[in-house]
C-alpha atoms as a PDB file:
ATOM      1  CA  MET A   1       0.000   0.000   0.000  1.00  0.00           C
ATOM      2  CA  THR A   2       1.278   3.485  -0.791  1.00  0.00           C
ATOM      3  CA  LYS A   3       1.842   6.210   1.727  1.00  0.00           C
ATOM      4  CA  ASP A   4      -1.323   7.893   0.404  1.00  0.00           C
ATOM      5  CA  GLY A   5      -3.180   4.613   0.943  1.00  0.00           C
ATOM      6  CA  ASP A   6      -1.970   4.576   4.543  1.00  0.00           C
ATOM      7  CA  SER A   7      -3.452   8.070   4.911  1.00  0.00           C
ATOM      8  CA  VAL A   8      -6.788   6.804   3.591  1.00  0.00           C
ATOM      9  CA  ARG A   9      -6.878   4.021   6.175  1.00  0.00           C
ATOM     10  CA  SER A  10      -6.091   6.522   8.933  1.00  0.00           C
ATOM     11  CA  GLY A  11      -9.365   8.374   8.444  1.00  0.00           C
ATOM     12  CA  PRO A  12     -10.725  11.557   6.867  1.00  0.00           C
ATOM     13  CA  ALA A  13      -8.586  14.036   8.825  1.00  0.00           C
ATOM     14  CA  LYS A  14      -5.288  12.461   7.787  1.00  0.00           C
ATOM     15  CA  ARG A  15      -6.512  11.962   4.238  1.00  0.00           C
ATOM     16  CA  GLN A  16      -7.474  15.631   4.081  1.00  0.00           C
ATOM     17  CA  ALA A  17      -4.027  16.586   5.373  1.00  0.00           C
ATOM     18  CA  ALA A  18      -2.448  14.449   2.649  1.00  0.00           C
ATOM     19  CA  ILE A  19      -4.719  16.031   0.021  1.00  0.00           C
ATOM     20  CA  ALA A  20      -3.741  19.480   1.266  1.00  0.00           C
ATOM     21  CA  ASP A  21      -0.028  18.616   1.072  1.00  0.00           C
ATOM     22  CA  HIS A  22      -0.480  17.379  -2.494  1.00  0.00           C
ATOM     23  CA  VAL A  23      -2.399  20.465  -3.636  1.00  0.00           C
ATOM     24  CA  LEU A  24      -0.054  22.865  -1.851  1.00  0.00           C
ATOM     25  CA  SER A  25       2.928  21.194  -3.530  1.00  0.00           C
ATOM     26  CA  HIS A  26       1.421  21.102  -7.017  1.00  0.00           C
ATOM     27  CA  GLY A  27      -0.675  24.282  -6.942  1.00  0.00           C
ATOM     28  CA  SER A  28      -3.881  22.609  -8.145  1.00  0.00           C
ATOM     29  CA  ALA A  29      -5.476  19.239  -8.867  1.00  0.00           C
ATOM     30  CA  THR A  30      -8.646  17.782 -10.337  1.00  0.00           C
ATOM     31  CA  ALA A  31     -11.156  15.990  -8.165  1.00  0.00           C
ATOM     32  CA  ALA A  32     -10.942  12.930 -10.423  1.00  0.00           C
ATOM     33  CA  ASP A  33      -7.163  12.723 -10.045  1.00  0.00           C
ATOM     34  CA  LEU A  34      -7.435  13.051  -6.289  1.00  0.00           C
ATOM     35  CA  ALA A  35     -10.098  10.347  -6.086  1.00  0.00           C
ATOM     36  CA  GLU A  36      -7.843   7.986  -8.015  1.00  0.00           C
ATOM     37  CA  ARG A  37      -4.745   8.934  -6.047  1.00  0.00           C
ATOM     38  CA  PHE A  38      -6.410   8.441  -2.652  1.00  0.00           C
ATOM     39  CA  ARG A  39      -8.593   5.499  -3.742  1.00  0.00           C
ATOM     40  CA  VAL A  40     -11.885   6.967  -2.627  1.00  0.00           C
ATOM     41  CA  SER A  41     -15.065   8.020  -4.415  1.00  0.00           C
ATOM     42  CA  LEU A  42     -15.590  11.399  -6.045  1.00  0.00           C
ATOM     43  CA  MET A  43     -18.277  12.113  -3.459  1.00  0.00           C
ATOM     44  CA  THR A  44     -15.772  11.520  -0.646  1.00  0.00           C
ATOM     45  CA  ILE A  45     -13.165  13.725  -2.331  1.00  0.00           C
ATOM     46  CA  HIS A  46     -15.684  16.543  -2.714  1.00  0.00           C
ATOM     47  CA  ARG A  47     -16.535  16.297   0.989  1.00  0.00           C
ATOM     48  CA  ASP A  48     -12.818  16.469   1.792  1.00  0.00           C
ATOM     49  CA  LEU A  49     -12.356  19.454  -0.495  1.00  0.00           C
ATOM     50  CA  ASP A  50     -15.368  21.206   1.038  1.00  0.00           C
ATOM     51  CA  GLU A  51     -13.742  20.831   4.457  1.00  0.00           C
ATOM     52  CA  LEU A  52     -10.349  22.081   3.225  1.00  0.00           C
ATOM     53  CA  GLU A  53     -12.037  25.049   1.573  1.00  0.00           C
ATOM     54  CA  ARG A  54     -13.875  25.801   4.826  1.00  0.00           C
ATOM     55  CA  GLN A  55     -10.496  25.837   6.603  1.00  0.00           C
ATOM     56  CA  GLY A  56      -9.148  28.267   3.990  1.00  0.00           C
ATOM     57  CA  VAL A  57      -6.475  25.848   2.781  1.00  0.00           C
ATOM     58  CA  VAL A  58      -7.694  25.572  -0.819  1.00  0.00           C
ATOM     59  CA  ARG A  59     -10.304  26.960  -3.219  1.00  0.00           C
ATOM     60  CA  LYS A  60     -12.640  24.766  -5.212  1.00  0.00           C
ATOM     61  CA  PHE A  61     -13.386  25.359  -8.873  1.00  0.00           C
ATOM     62  CA  ARG A  62     -15.475  23.352 -11.303  1.00  0.00           C
ATOM     63  CA  GLY A  63     -13.916  19.915 -11.412  1.00  0.00           C
ATOM     64  CA  GLY A  64     -10.993  20.594  -9.125  1.00  0.00           C
ATOM     65  CA  VAL A  65      -9.227  22.583  -6.452  1.00  0.00           C
ATOM     66  CA  THR A  66      -6.364  25.083  -6.249  1.00  0.00           C
ATOM     67  CA  ALA A  67      -4.069  26.670  -3.690  1.00  0.00           C
ATOM     68  CA  GLN A  68      -3.095  29.463  -6.049  1.00  0.00           C
ATOM     69  CA  PRO A  69      -4.298  33.030  -5.478  1.00  0.00           C
ATOM     70  CA  SER A  70      -6.906  34.867  -7.502  1.00  0.00           C
ATOM     71  CA  GLY A  71      -7.975  38.492  -7.587  1.00  0.00           C
ATOM     72  CA  VAL A  72     -10.343  37.766  -4.699  1.00  0.00           C
ATOM     73  CA  PHE A  73      -8.609  35.013  -2.674  1.00  0.00           C
ATOM     74  CA  GLU A  74      -5.147  35.005  -1.115  1.00  0.00           C
ATOM     75  CA  SER A  75      -3.140  31.795  -0.944  1.00  0.00           C
ATOM     76  CA  ASN A  76      -2.749  29.875   2.280  1.00  0.00           C
ATOM     77  CA  VAL A  77       0.552  30.652   4.021  1.00  0.00           C
ATOM     78  CA  ALA A  78       1.682  27.034   3.558  1.00  0.00           C
ATOM     79  CA  TYR A  79       1.464  27.446  -0.222  1.00  0.00           C
ATOM     80  CA  ARG A  80       3.181  30.841  -0.131  1.00  0.00           C
ATOM     81  CA  MET A  81       6.049  29.366   1.897  1.00  0.00           C
ATOM     82  CA  LYS A  82       6.771  26.965  -0.978  1.00  0.00           C
ATOM     83  CA  SER A  83       6.254  29.388  -3.856  1.00  0.00           C
ATOM     84  CA  MET A  84       9.026  31.401  -5.582  1.00  0.00           C
ATOM     85  CA  GLN A  85      11.568  30.601  -2.847  1.00  0.00           C
ATOM     86  CA  ALA A  86      14.692  31.408  -4.874  1.00  0.00           C
ATOM     87  CA  GLN A  87      13.225  34.731  -5.989  1.00  0.00           C
ATOM     88  CA  LYS A  88      12.243  35.679  -2.445  1.00  0.00           C
ATOM     89  CA  ASP A  89      15.730  34.832  -1.196  1.00  0.00           C
ATOM     90  CA  ALA A  90      17.311  37.026  -3.881  1.00  0.00           C
ATOM     91  CA  ILE A  91      14.984  39.914  -3.005  1.00  0.00           C
ATOM     92  CA  ALA A  92      15.756  39.491   0.710  1.00  0.00           C
ATOM     93  CA  GLU A  93      19.511  39.515   0.054  1.00  0.00           C
ATOM     94  CA  ARG A  94      19.118  42.896  -1.630  1.00  0.00           C
ATOM     95  CA  ALA A  95      16.715  44.196   1.021  1.00  0.00           C
ATOM     96  CA  VAL A  96      18.995  43.558   4.016  1.00  0.00           C
ATOM     97  CA  ARG A  97      21.591  45.901   2.514  1.00  0.00           C
ATOM     98  CA  LEU A  98      19.259  48.728   3.525  1.00  0.00           C
ATOM     99  CA  ILE A  99      19.372  47.742   7.200  1.00  0.00           C
ATOM    100  CA  GLU A 100      21.953  49.120   9.611  1.00  0.00           C
ATOM    101  CA  PRO A 101      22.604  48.117  13.235  1.00  0.00           C
ATOM    102  CA  GLY A 102      20.542  50.153  15.669  1.00  0.00           C
ATOM    103  CA  MET A 103      17.541  50.522  13.353  1.00  0.00           C
ATOM    104  CA  ALA A 104      13.914  49.744  14.130  1.00  0.00           C
ATOM    105  CA  VAL A 105      12.523  47.546  11.362  1.00  0.00           C
ATOM    106  CA  MET A 106       8.940  46.477  10.721  1.00  0.00           C
ATOM    107  CA  LEU A 107       8.103  43.285   8.791  1.00  0.00           C
ATOM    108  CA  ASP A 108       4.659  42.376   7.529  1.00  0.00           C
ATOM    109  CA  ASP A 109       3.251  38.837   7.422  1.00  0.00           C
ATOM    110  CA  SER A 110       4.555  38.059   3.938  1.00  0.00           C
ATOM    111  CA  THR A 111       6.829  35.116   3.238  1.00  0.00           C
ATOM    112  CA  THR A 112       9.172  37.518   1.422  1.00  0.00           C
ATOM    113  CA  ALA A 113       9.573  39.577   4.597  1.00  0.00           C
ATOM    114  CA  LEU A 114      10.192  36.287   6.418  1.00  0.00           C
ATOM    115  CA  ALA A 115      13.160  35.732   4.092  1.00  0.00           C
ATOM    116  CA  VAL A 116      14.463  39.103   5.315  1.00  0.00           C
ATOM    117  CA  ALA A 117      13.953  38.007   8.941  1.00  0.00           C
ATOM    118  CA  ARG A 118      16.148  34.966   8.326  1.00  0.00           C
ATOM    119  CA  ARG A 119      19.042  37.289   7.423  1.00  0.00           C
ATOM    120  CA  LEU A 120      18.958  39.695  10.382  1.00  0.00           C
ATOM    121  CA  GLU A 121      21.229  37.864  12.797  1.00  0.00           C
ATOM    122  CA  GLY A 122      24.412  39.473  11.476  1.00  0.00           C
ATOM    123  CA  ILE A 123      23.060  43.056  11.533  1.00  0.00           C
ATOM    124  CA  THR A 124      22.324  43.401  15.226  1.00  0.00           C
ATOM    125  CA  PRO A 125      21.509  45.203  17.429  1.00  0.00           C
ATOM    126  CA  LEU A 126      18.056  45.751  15.955  1.00  0.00           C
ATOM    127  CA  THR A 127      14.499  46.345  17.036  1.00  0.00           C
ATOM    128  CA  VAL A 128      12.152  44.250  14.925  1.00  0.00           C
ATOM    129  CA  VAL A 129       8.370  44.658  14.885  1.00  0.00           C
ATOM    130  CA  THR A 130       6.142  42.077  13.200  1.00  0.00           C
ATOM    131  CA  ASN A 131       2.695  40.486  13.263  1.00  0.00           C
ATOM    132  CA  PHE A 132       3.867  37.251  11.564  1.00  0.00           C
ATOM    133  CA  LEU A 133       3.967  34.356  14.029  1.00  0.00           C
ATOM    134  CA  GLU A 134       6.556  32.474  11.952  1.00  0.00           C
ATOM    135  CA  ALA A 135       8.891  35.493  12.127  1.00  0.00           C
ATOM    136  CA  ILE A 136       8.235  35.957  15.845  1.00  0.00           C
ATOM    137  CA  ASN A 137       9.202  32.354  16.563  1.00  0.00           C
ATOM    138  CA  LEU A 138      12.312  32.701  14.397  1.00  0.00           C
ATOM    139  CA  LEU A 139      13.557  35.999  15.822  1.00  0.00           C
ATOM    140  CA  ALA A 140      12.820  35.110  19.444  1.00  0.00           C
ATOM    141  CA  LYS A 141      15.951  32.960  19.297  1.00  0.00           C
ATOM    142  CA  VAL A 142      18.243  35.659  17.875  1.00  0.00           C
ATOM    143  CA  ARG A 143      20.560  37.437  20.266  1.00  0.00           C
ATOM    144  CA  ASP A 144      20.613  41.264  20.283  1.00  0.00           C
ATOM    145  CA  ILE A 145      17.252  41.618  18.574  1.00  0.00           C
ATOM    146  CA  ARG A 146      14.626  43.443  20.560  1.00  0.00           C
ATOM    147  CA  LEU A 147      11.485  41.754  19.285  1.00  0.00           C
ATOM    148  CA  MET A 148       8.070  43.428  19.393  1.00  0.00           C
ATOM    149  CA  GLY A 149       5.192  41.146  18.438  1.00  0.00           C
ATOM    150  CA  LEU A 150       2.085  42.890  17.218  1.00  0.00           C
ATOM    151  CA  GLY A 151      -0.999  41.409  18.844  1.00  0.00           C
ATOM    152  CA  GLY A 152      -4.525  41.125  17.540  1.00  0.00           C
ATOM    153  CA  ASP A 153      -6.820  38.406  16.279  1.00  0.00           C
ATOM    154  CA  TYR A 154      -4.858  35.345  15.193  1.00  0.00           C
ATOM    155  CA  ASP A 155      -5.602  34.351  11.590  1.00  0.00           C
ATOM    156  CA  PRO A 156      -4.493  30.776  10.789  1.00  0.00           C
ATOM    157  CA  LEU A 157      -4.778  31.338   7.024  1.00  0.00           C
ATOM    158  CA  HIS A 158      -1.963  33.900   7.248  1.00  0.00           C
ATOM    159  CA  ASP A 159      -0.344  32.676  10.503  1.00  0.00           C
ATOM    160  CA  SER A 160      -0.416  36.273  11.698  1.00  0.00           C
ATOM    161  CA  PHE A 161      -2.186  38.696  14.012  1.00  0.00           C
ATOM    162  CA  LEU A 162      -4.638  41.103  12.418  1.00  0.00           C
ATOM    163  CA  GLY A 163      -7.645  43.252  13.230  1.00  0.00           C
ATOM    164  CA  VAL A 164      -8.318  46.539  14.990  1.00  0.00           C
ATOM    165  CA  SER A 165      -6.038  45.883  17.958  1.00  0.00           C
ATOM    166  CA  CYS A 166      -3.150  45.099  15.604  1.00  0.00           C
ATOM    167  CA  VAL A 167      -3.732  48.346  13.710  1.00  0.00           C
ATOM    168  CA  ASP A 168      -3.900  50.259  17.022  1.00  0.00           C
ATOM    169  CA  ALA A 169      -0.556  48.771  18.098  1.00  0.00           C
ATOM    170  CA  ILE A 170       1.077  49.762  14.807  1.00  0.00           C
ATOM    171  CA  GLU A 171      -0.270  53.305  14.987  1.00  0.00           C
ATOM    172  CA  ALA A 172       1.546  53.798  18.308  1.00  0.00           C
ATOM    173  CA  LEU A 173       4.935  53.103  16.648  1.00  0.00           C
ATOM    174  CA  HIS A 174       7.436  54.726  14.300  1.00  0.00           C
ATOM    175  CA  VAL A 175      10.144  52.660  12.624  1.00  0.00           C
ATOM    176  CA  ASP A 176      13.138  53.433  10.423  1.00  0.00           C
ATOM    177  CA  LEU A 177      12.326  50.848   7.767  1.00  0.00           C
ATOM    178  CA  CYS A 178       9.125  49.032   6.891  1.00  0.00           C
ATOM    179  CA  PHE A 179       9.218  45.988   4.596  1.00  0.00           C
ATOM    180  CA  VAL A 180       5.932  45.007   2.989  1.00  0.00           C
ATOM    181  CA  SER A 181       4.901  42.621   0.241  1.00  0.00           C
ATOM    182  CA  THR A 182       1.543  42.195  -1.455  1.00  0.00           C
ATOM    183  CA  SER A 183      -0.343  40.027  -3.913  1.00  0.00           C
ATOM    184  CA  ALA A 184      -0.521  42.165  -7.028  1.00  0.00           C
ATOM    185  CA  VAL A 185       1.051  45.230  -8.634  1.00  0.00           C
ATOM    186  CA  ALA A 186      -0.157  46.950 -11.785  1.00  0.00           C
ATOM    187  CA  GLY A 187      -0.711  50.415 -13.203  1.00  0.00           C
ATOM    188  CA  GLY A 188       1.228  52.192 -10.477  1.00  0.00           C
ATOM    189  CA  PHE A 189      -0.673  50.598  -7.577  1.00  0.00           C
ATOM    190  CA  ALA A 190      -0.243  47.716  -5.132  1.00  0.00           C
ATOM    191  CA  TYR A 191      -3.287  45.518  -4.508  1.00  0.00           C
ATOM    192  CA  HIS A 192      -4.414  42.814  -2.116  1.00  0.00           C
ATOM    193  CA  GLN A 193      -7.417  40.497  -2.020  1.00  0.00           C
ATOM    194  CA  GLU A 194      -8.436  40.986   1.618  1.00  0.00           C
ATOM    195  CA  GLN A 195      -9.620  44.174   3.249  1.00  0.00           C
ATOM    196  CA  HIS A 196      -8.460  43.272   6.782  1.00  0.00           C
ATOM    197  CA  ILE A 197      -4.948  42.680   5.445  1.00  0.00           C
ATOM    198  CA  VAL A 198      -5.003  46.003   3.604  1.00  0.00           C
ATOM    199  CA  SER A 199      -5.824  47.938   6.791  1.00  0.00           C
ATOM    200  CA  VAL A 200      -2.824  46.416   8.612  1.00  0.00           C
ATOM    201  CA  LYS A 201      -0.406  47.023   5.739  1.00  0.00           C
ATOM    202  CA  ARG A 202      -1.568  50.642   5.354  1.00  0.00           C
ATOM    203  CA  ALA A 203      -0.962  51.234   9.058  1.00  0.00           C
ATOM    204  CA  MET A 204       2.536  49.773   8.644  1.00  0.00           C
ATOM    205  CA  LEU A 205       3.275  52.147   5.770  1.00  0.00           C
ATOM    206  CA  ASP A 206       2.173  55.102   7.914  1.00  0.00           C
ATOM    207  CA  ALA A 207       4.551  53.932  10.670  1.00  0.00           C
ATOM    208  CA  GLY A 208       7.631  53.724   8.453  1.00  0.00           C
ATOM    209  CA  ALA A 209      10.103  56.530   7.852  1.00  0.00           C
ATOM    210  CA  ARG A 210      11.085  54.570   4.714  1.00  0.00           C
ATOM    211  CA  ASN A 211       8.900  51.945   3.082  1.00  0.00           C
ATOM    212  CA  VAL A 212      10.157  49.146   0.856  1.00  0.00           C
ATOM    213  CA  LEU A 213       7.943  46.929  -1.289  1.00  0.00           C
ATOM    214  CA  LEU A 214       9.291  43.400  -1.789  1.00  0.00           C
ATOM    215  CA  ILE A 215       7.667  41.782  -4.800  1.00  0.00           C
ATOM    216  CA  ASP A 216       8.524  38.694  -6.803  1.00  0.00           C
ATOM    217  CA  HIS A 217       7.841  38.867 -10.526  1.00  0.00           C
ATOM    218  CA  SER A 218       4.751  36.635 -10.374  1.00  0.00           C
ATOM    219  CA  LYS A 219       2.867  39.498  -8.676  1.00  0.00           C
ATOM    220  CA  LEU A 220       3.564  42.058 -11.413  1.00  0.00           C
ATOM    221  CA  GLY A 221       0.928  42.863 -14.014  1.00  0.00           C
ATOM    222  CA  ARG A 222      -1.858  41.569 -11.760  1.00  0.00           C
ATOM    223  CA  VAL A 223      -4.655  43.265  -9.849  1.00  0.00           C
ATOM    224  CA  ALA A 224      -6.674  42.150  -6.832  1.00  0.00           C
ATOM    225  CA  LEU A 225      -9.918  43.287  -5.257  1.00  0.00           C
ATOM    226  CA  HIS A 226      -8.590  46.013  -2.933  1.00  0.00           C
ATOM    227  CA  ARG A 227      -6.214  48.822  -3.832  1.00  0.00           C
ATOM    228  CA  LEU A 228      -3.581  48.907  -1.099  1.00  0.00           C
ATOM    229  CA  ALA A 229      -1.542  51.995  -1.993  1.00  0.00           C
ATOM    230  CA  PRO A 230       0.024  53.826  -4.922  1.00  0.00           C
ATOM    231  CA  LEU A 231       3.588  52.747  -5.591  1.00  0.00           C
ATOM    232  CA  SER A 232       4.588  56.328  -4.717  1.00  0.00           C
ATOM    233  CA  ALA A 233       3.915  55.326  -1.073  1.00  0.00           C
ATOM    234  CA  PHE A 234       7.087  53.224  -1.253  1.00  0.00           C
ATOM    235  CA  ASP A 235      10.558  54.698  -1.222  1.00  0.00           C
ATOM    236  CA  GLN A 236      11.841  51.645  -3.036  1.00  0.00           C
ATOM    237  CA  VAL A 237      10.564  48.533  -4.800  1.00  0.00           C
ATOM    238  CA  ILE A 238      12.719  45.407  -5.008  1.00  0.00           C
ATOM    239  CA  VAL A 239      11.810  42.822  -7.642  1.00  0.00           C
ATOM    240  CA  ASP A 240      13.621  39.752  -8.910  1.00  0.00           C
ATOM    241  CA  ASP A 241      15.153  39.483 -12.376  1.00  0.00           C
ATOM    242  CA  GLY A 242      12.357  37.255 -13.653  1.00  0.00           C
ATOM    243  CA  ALA A 243      10.229  40.344 -14.269  1.00  0.00           C
ATOM    244  CA  SER A 244       9.149  40.687 -17.890  1.00  0.00           C
ATOM    245  CA  PRO A 245      10.248  43.726 -19.963  1.00  0.00           C
ATOM    246  CA  GLU A 246       6.610  44.865 -19.995  1.00  0.00           C
ATOM    247  CA  ALA A 247       6.378  44.748 -16.190  1.00  0.00           C
ATOM    248  CA  VAL A 248       9.624  46.671 -15.779  1.00  0.00           C
ATOM    249  CA  ARG A 249       8.482  49.206 -18.363  1.00  0.00           C
ATOM    250  CA  ASP A 250       5.299  49.730 -16.336  1.00  0.00           C
ATOM    251  CA  LEU A 251       7.431  50.577 -13.283  1.00  0.00           C
ATOM    252  CA  ASP A 252       9.480  53.004 -15.393  1.00  0.00           C
ATOM    253  CA  GLU A 253       6.362  54.673 -16.787  1.00  0.00           C
ATOM    254  CA  HIS A 254       5.058  55.303 -13.264  1.00  0.00           C
ATOM    255  CA  LYS A 255       8.445  56.677 -12.144  1.00  0.00           C
ATOM    256  CA  VAL A 256       8.872  53.996  -9.476  1.00  0.00           C
ATOM    257  CA  ALA A 257      12.263  53.746  -7.766  1.00  0.00           C
ATOM    258  CA  TYR A 258      13.114  50.057  -8.070  1.00  0.00           C
ATOM    259  CA  GLU A 259      16.003  47.632  -7.855  1.00  0.00           C
ATOM    260  CA  VAL A 260      16.300  44.280  -9.593  1.00  0.00           C
ATOM    261  CA  ALA A 261      17.626  41.427  -7.458  1.00  0.00           C
ATOM    262  CA  THR A 262      19.497  38.812  -9.487  1.00  0.00           C
ATOM    263  CA  LEU A 263      19.255  35.131  -8.670  1.00  0.00           C
END
């Protein structure tokens, strides 16, 4: 029996976890393929997918399921952690050059900002402010970093703290550098699918003396439901070298100060 078959025998919860791992790794899958892979009926697979959609892990579409974002839905953090890793690392390598010991730095709950967090140990002492639980757990172990965790309502889809109390905490602060990422950039604006995320990111931008947008090339030339901010709200944009000539030309046309991080 395969490992997937073992998951089937272990019950619905473990099968659903195995389905989620498969979809998060591959981006999307059809219901028919999943039924064959996990040796259950289509009806059972659809029940599993309904439950995973309820948890915010995946989105159903006609005949299948996806973990990829759309203009309305953001990806689960588990999918974002696996996506565009090399590009995010290259962007983070360029971003940390802006940080100097003694600074106060704010990081949003993006996986690109998390790549920055992984590179802070050699730039201490620092004060780091973040609402991303993954970054909090990482930086809590780093010597000479004064860590300020932003509280609020915990959101498992993003593994971060959000809501009014998070915004209130941000509004009481002022930092030297704020690093933010988002889901889509086009026409001189940054966009995001979720309003409660937008309110937190806007508060972060207001708290930063300098704001830096970290964006891998897959986000360029796309829009999402909510307009986050004009690109003029950022002092600098860092993108990886996979950006198309058209996407770079759009940044030039809107007079955006940007750097290209090479892999």
